[in-house]
Amino acid sequence: MAWWHNAECTHEDPELFFPVGVAGPAARRQETLAKEVCRRCPVIQECLDYALESGMTHGVWGGTGEEERRALRRRTQRQRRQSRGGGREQERSTSHAASR
């Protein structure tokens, strides 16, 4: 994680990126402020890659919030399944053929 030394967030209060006890509009505002820091960060992609690879589920990482990373993970998993053999359509046709 050598990239961490160049991260903009190291100059900020960590609570900005990991809100505790904040909900609703206040949480969205805090996430927006954290993402503004990310946008000017030279290692934003490395940070996002790290968060996705290590399964970070909380906080703002690589300019993304928790929901955005969940969506990225789902999309990546779906693409991997499809590249391995067609996804659900392949699974259905295989199970149908096996039941004959």
N, C-alpha and C. Protein backbone atom coordinates (compact mmCIF):
# COMPACT_ATOMS: atom_id res chain seq x y z
N MET A 1 0.82 -1.19 0.00
CA MET A 1 0.00 0.00 0.00
C MET A 1 0.86 1.26 0.00
N ALA A 2 1.90 1.27 -0.79
CA ALA A 2 2.78 2.43 -0.86
C ALA A 2 2.05 3.66 -1.37
N TRP A 3 1.02 3.47 -2.17
CA TRP A 3 0.25 4.59 -2.71
C TRP A 3 -0.35 5.44 -1.59
N TRP A 4 -0.62 4.81 -0.45
CA TRP A 4 -1.27 5.49 0.67
C TRP A 4 -0.53 6.77 1.08
N HIS A 5 0.78 6.78 0.94
CA HIS A 5 1.58 7.94 1.34
C HIS A 5 1.27 9.16 0.50
N ASN A 6 0.73 8.97 -0.69
CA ASN A 6 0.40 10.08 -1.58
C ASN A 6 -1.07 10.47 -1.55
N ALA A 7 -1.85 9.82 -0.71
CA ALA A 7 -3.29 10.05 -0.66
C ALA A 7 -3.64 11.38 0.00
N GLU A 8 -4.57 12.10 -0.60
CA GLU A 8 -5.04 13.38 -0.06
C GLU A 8 -5.69 13.21 1.30
N CYS A 9 -6.34 12.08 1.51
CA CYS A 9 -7.09 11.88 2.76
C CYS A 9 -6.19 11.82 3.99
N THR A 10 -4.90 11.60 3.80
CA THR A 10 -4.00 11.54 4.96
C THR A 10 -3.86 12.90 5.63
N HIS A 11 -4.32 13.96 4.94
CA HIS A 11 -4.26 15.31 5.49
C HIS A 11 -5.60 15.73 6.09
N GLU A 12 -6.55 14.81 6.14
CA GLU A 12 -7.91 15.11 6.60
C GLU A 12 -8.25 14.28 7.84
N ASP A 13 -9.29 14.70 8.52
CA ASP A 13 -9.81 13.94 9.66
C ASP A 13 -10.45 12.65 9.13
N PRO A 14 -10.02 11.49 9.59
CA PRO A 14 -10.58 10.23 9.09
C PRO A 14 -12.10 10.12 9.25
N GLU A 15 -12.66 10.80 10.24
CA GLU A 15 -14.11 10.75 10.44
C GLU A 15 -14.88 11.32 9.25
N LEU A 16 -14.24 12.15 8.45
CA LEU A 16 -14.88 12.67 7.25
C LEU A 16 -15.23 11.53 6.31
N PHE A 17 -14.40 10.52 6.24
CA PHE A 17 -14.57 9.40 5.32
C PHE A 17 -15.34 8.23 5.94
N PHE A 18 -15.48 8.25 7.25
CA PHE A 18 -16.17 7.17 7.97
C PHE A 18 -17.15 7.78 8.97
N PRO A 19 -18.26 8.31 8.48
CA PRO A 19 -19.22 8.96 9.38
C PRO A 19 -19.83 7.97 10.37
N VAL A 20 -19.88 8.39 11.62
CA VAL A 20 -20.46 7.57 12.68
C VAL A 20 -21.65 8.33 13.25
N GLY A 21 -22.78 7.68 13.29
CA GLY A 21 -23.96 8.29 13.87
C GLY A 21 -24.54 9.42 13.06
N VAL A 22 -24.23 9.46 11.78
CA VAL A 22 -24.75 10.51 10.90
C VAL A 22 -25.67 9.84 9.90
N ALA A 23 -26.86 10.42 9.71
CA ALA A 23 -27.81 9.84 8.77
C ALA A 23 -28.50 10.95 7.98
N GLY A 24 -29.21 10.55 6.94
CA GLY A 24 -30.01 11.48 6.16
C GLY A 24 -29.18 12.51 5.42
N PRO A 25 -29.68 13.74 5.36
CA PRO A 25 -28.98 14.80 4.61
C PRO A 25 -27.57 15.08 5.14
N ALA A 26 -27.38 14.97 6.44
CA ALA A 26 -26.05 15.22 7.01
C ALA A 26 -25.05 14.18 6.52
N ALA A 27 -25.47 12.94 6.42
CA ALA A 27 -24.58 11.87 5.93
C ALA A 27 -24.25 12.09 4.46
N ARG A 28 -25.26 12.47 3.68
CA ARG A 28 -25.01 12.72 2.24
C ARG A 28 -24.06 13.89 2.06
N ARG A 29 -24.21 14.93 2.87
CA ARG A 29 -23.32 16.09 2.78
C ARG A 29 -21.89 15.69 3.15
N GLN A 30 -21.75 14.90 4.19
CA GLN A 30 -20.41 14.45 4.60
C GLN A 30 -19.78 13.59 3.52
N GLU A 31 -20.56 12.71 2.90
CA GLU A 31 -20.03 11.88 1.82
C GLU A 31 -19.59 12.74 0.64
N THR A 32 -20.36 13.77 0.34
CA THR A 32 -20.01 14.69 -0.75
C THR A 32 -18.69 15.38 -0.46
N LEU A 33 -18.51 15.84 0.77
CA LEU A 33 -17.26 16.50 1.15
C LEU A 33 -16.07 15.53 1.04
N ALA A 34 -16.26 14.30 1.47
CA ALA A 34 -15.19 13.31 1.37
C ALA A 34 -14.83 13.04 -0.09
N LYS A 35 -15.84 12.94 -0.93
CA LYS A 35 -15.60 12.69 -2.36
C LYS A 35 -14.89 13.86 -3.03
N GLU A 36 -15.12 15.07 -2.53
CA GLU A 36 -14.39 16.23 -3.07
C GLU A 36 -12.90 16.09 -2.80
N VAL A 37 -12.54 15.58 -1.64
CA VAL A 37 -11.13 15.33 -1.33
C VAL A 37 -10.60 14.27 -2.29
N CYS A 38 -11.37 13.23 -2.51
CA CYS A 38 -10.95 12.14 -3.42
C CYS A 38 -10.72 12.65 -4.84
N ARG A 39 -11.56 13.55 -5.29
CA ARG A 39 -11.44 14.04 -6.67
C ARG A 39 -10.11 14.72 -6.95
N ARG A 40 -9.50 15.28 -5.93
CA ARG A 40 -8.20 15.94 -6.15
C ARG A 40 -7.02 15.06 -5.73
N CYS A 41 -7.31 13.79 -5.48
CA CYS A 41 -6.29 12.86 -5.01
C CYS A 41 -5.57 12.19 -6.19
N PRO A 42 -4.24 12.15 -6.15
CA PRO A 42 -3.49 11.54 -7.25
C PRO A 42 -3.55 10.00 -7.26
N VAL A 43 -4.03 9.40 -6.18
CA VAL A 43 -4.07 7.93 -6.13
C VAL A 43 -5.50 7.40 -5.97
N ILE A 44 -6.45 8.12 -6.54
CA ILE A 44 -7.86 7.74 -6.40
C ILE A 44 -8.12 6.33 -6.95
N GLN A 45 -7.53 5.98 -8.09
CA GLN A 45 -7.77 4.66 -8.68
C GLN A 45 -7.17 3.55 -7.83
N GLU A 46 -5.96 3.77 -7.31
CA GLU A 46 -5.32 2.77 -6.46
C GLU A 46 -6.17 2.54 -5.21
N CYS A 47 -6.72 3.62 -4.67
CA CYS A 47 -7.56 3.53 -3.48
C CYS A 47 -8.83 2.73 -3.77
N LEU A 48 -9.47 3.02 -4.89
CA LEU A 48 -10.68 2.28 -5.26
C LEU A 48 -10.35 0.81 -5.48
N ASP A 49 -9.27 0.53 -6.19
CA ASP A 49 -8.86 -0.86 -6.42
C ASP A 49 -8.66 -1.59 -5.09
N TYR A 50 -7.97 -0.94 -4.17
CA TYR A 50 -7.72 -1.53 -2.85
C TYR A 50 -9.04 -1.83 -2.14
N ALA A 51 -9.95 -0.86 -2.16
CA ALA A 51 -11.23 -1.04 -1.47
C ALA A 51 -12.02 -2.21 -2.06
N LEU A 52 -12.02 -2.32 -3.37
CA LEU A 52 -12.76 -3.41 -4.02
C LEU A 52 -12.10 -4.76 -3.77
N GLU A 53 -10.78 -4.81 -3.86
CA GLU A 53 -10.05 -6.07 -3.69
C GLU A 53 -10.08 -6.57 -2.25
N SER A 54 -10.09 -5.65 -1.30
CA SER A 54 -10.05 -6.05 0.11
C SER A 54 -11.43 -6.07 0.76
N GLY A 55 -12.46 -5.75 0.00
CA GLY A 55 -13.83 -5.85 0.50
C GLY A 55 -14.24 -4.77 1.48
N MET A 56 -13.71 -3.57 1.32
CA MET A 56 -14.10 -2.47 2.19
C MET A 56 -15.58 -2.14 1.97
N THR A 57 -16.37 -2.26 3.02
CA THR A 57 -17.80 -2.03 2.88
C THR A 57 -18.25 -0.72 3.52
N HIS A 58 -17.42 -0.10 4.32
CA HIS A 58 -17.81 1.13 5.00
C HIS A 58 -16.93 2.29 4.57
N GLY A 59 -17.52 3.47 4.58
CA GLY A 59 -16.78 4.68 4.31
C GLY A 59 -16.66 5.02 2.83
N VAL A 60 -15.92 6.09 2.59
CA VAL A 60 -15.64 6.56 1.23
C VAL A 60 -14.23 6.13 0.87
N TRP A 61 -14.10 5.44 -0.25
CA TRP A 61 -12.81 4.96 -0.75
C TRP A 61 -12.76 5.22 -2.24
N GLY A 62 -11.67 5.77 -2.71
CA GLY A 62 -11.50 5.96 -4.15
C GLY A 62 -12.61 6.76 -4.80
N GLY A 63 -13.15 7.70 -4.07
CA GLY A 63 -14.21 8.55 -4.62
C GLY A 63 -15.57 7.88 -4.71
N THR A 64 -15.74 6.75 -4.04
CA THR A 64 -17.02 6.04 -4.07
C THR A 64 -17.56 5.82 -2.67
N GLY A 65 -18.87 5.84 -2.57
CA GLY A 65 -19.54 5.53 -1.32
C GLY A 65 -19.85 4.05 -1.25
N GLU A 66 -20.45 3.66 -0.14
CA GLU A 66 -20.73 2.24 0.10
C GLU A 66 -21.63 1.64 -0.97
N GLU A 67 -22.71 2.32 -1.32
CA GLU A 67 -23.64 1.80 -2.33
C GLU A 67 -22.98 1.70 -3.70
N GLU A 68 -22.16 2.68 -4.04
CA GLU A 68 -21.48 2.66 -5.34
C GLU A 68 -20.54 1.46 -5.45
N ARG A 69 -19.82 1.17 -4.37
CA ARG A 69 -18.92 0.02 -4.41
C ARG A 69 -19.69 -1.29 -4.47
N ARG A 70 -20.82 -1.37 -3.77
CA ARG A 70 -21.64 -2.57 -3.86
C ARG A 70 -22.09 -2.80 -5.30
N ALA A 71 -22.51 -1.73 -5.97
CA ALA A 71 -22.94 -1.84 -7.36
C ALA A 71 -21.77 -2.26 -8.26
N LEU A 72 -20.59 -1.71 -8.03
CA LEU A 72 -19.41 -2.09 -8.81
C LEU A 72 -19.08 -3.57 -8.61
N ARG A 73 -19.17 -4.04 -7.37
CA ARG A 73 -18.89 -5.46 -7.11
C ARG A 73 -19.89 -6.36 -7.82
N ARG A 74 -21.17 -6.00 -7.75
CA ARG A 74 -22.20 -6.81 -8.42
C ARG A 74 -21.95 -6.84 -9.92
N ARG A 75 -21.64 -5.69 -10.51
CA ARG A 75 -21.39 -5.62 -11.95
C ARG A 75 -20.18 -6.46 -12.32
N THR A 76 -19.13 -6.37 -11.54
CA THR A 76 -17.91 -7.15 -11.81
C THR A 76 -18.20 -8.65 -11.70
N GLN A 77 -18.94 -9.05 -10.68
CA GLN A 77 -19.28 -10.47 -10.52
C GLN A 77 -20.12 -10.97 -11.68
N ARG A 78 -21.08 -10.16 -12.12
CA ARG A 78 -21.93 -10.53 -13.25
C ARG A 78 -21.10 -10.69 -14.51
N GLN A 79 -20.16 -9.77 -14.75
CA GLN A 79 -19.31 -9.85 -15.93
C GLN A 79 -18.43 -11.09 -15.88
N ARG A 80 -17.93 -11.43 -14.71
CA ARG A 80 -17.09 -12.64 -14.58
C ARG A 80 -17.89 -13.89 -14.88
N ARG A 81 -19.12 -13.96 -14.35
CA ARG A 81 -19.97 -15.12 -14.63
C ARG A 81 -20.25 -15.25 -16.11
N GLN A 82 -20.55 -14.13 -16.74
CA GLN A 82 -20.86 -14.16 -18.17
C GLN A 82 -19.65 -14.57 -18.99
N SER A 83 -18.48 -14.12 -18.61
CA SER A 83 -17.28 -14.47 -19.37
C SER A 83 -16.88 -15.93 -19.17
N ARG A 84 -17.36 -16.55 -18.10
CA ARG A 84 -17.05 -17.96 -17.84
C ARG A 84 -18.03 -18.92 -18.49
N GLY A 85 -19.06 -18.40 -19.12
CA GLY A 85 -19.95 -19.36 -19.74
C GLY A 85 -21.38 -18.92 -19.91
N GLY A 86 -21.64 -17.68 -19.94
CA GLY A 86 -22.97 -17.23 -20.28
C GLY A 86 -23.89 -16.89 -19.14
N GLY A 87 -23.44 -16.96 -17.92
CA GLY A 87 -24.27 -16.52 -16.82
C GLY A 87 -25.48 -17.41 -16.59
N ARG A 88 -26.62 -16.81 -16.25
CA ARG A 88 -27.82 -17.55 -15.89
C ARG A 88 -28.38 -18.37 -17.04
N GLU A 89 -28.33 -17.85 -18.24
CA GLU A 89 -28.85 -18.61 -19.38
C GLU A 89 -28.08 -19.92 -19.52
N GLN A 90 -26.78 -19.86 -19.36
CA GLN A 90 -25.95 -21.07 -19.44
C GLN A 90 -26.31 -22.02 -18.31
N GLU A 91 -26.51 -21.49 -17.09
CA GLU A 91 -26.85 -22.33 -15.95
C GLU A 91 -28.18 -23.03 -16.18
N ARG A 92 -29.19 -22.31 -16.70
CA ARG A 92 -30.50 -22.89 -16.94
C ARG A 92 -30.44 -24.00 -17.98
N SER A 93 -29.75 -23.75 -19.08
CA SER A 93 -29.70 -24.76 -20.13
C SER A 93 -28.91 -25.99 -19.66
N THR A 94 -27.90 -25.78 -18.85
CA THR A 94 -27.12 -26.90 -18.32
C THR A 94 -27.96 -27.73 -17.36
N SER A 95 -28.70 -27.08 -16.46
CA SER A 95 -29.50 -27.83 -15.50
C SER A 95 -30.67 -28.52 -16.20
N HIS A 96 -31.22 -27.92 -17.24
CA HIS A 96 -32.31 -28.53 -17.99
C HIS A 96 -31.80 -29.79 -18.72
N ALA A 97 -30.64 -29.69 -19.32
CA ALA A 97 -30.06 -30.83 -20.04
C ALA A 97 -29.72 -31.95 -19.06
N ALA A 98 -29.28 -31.61 -17.88
CA ALA A 98 -28.90 -32.62 -16.89
C ALA A 98 -30.12 -33.36 -16.35
N SER A 99 -31.28 -32.71 -16.38
CA SER A 99 -32.48 -33.35 -15.83
C SER A 99 -33.11 -34.33 -16.81
N ARG A 100 -32.62 -34.43 -18.02
CA ARG A 100 -33.18 -35.35 -19.03
C ARG A 100 -32.71 -36.74 -18.84
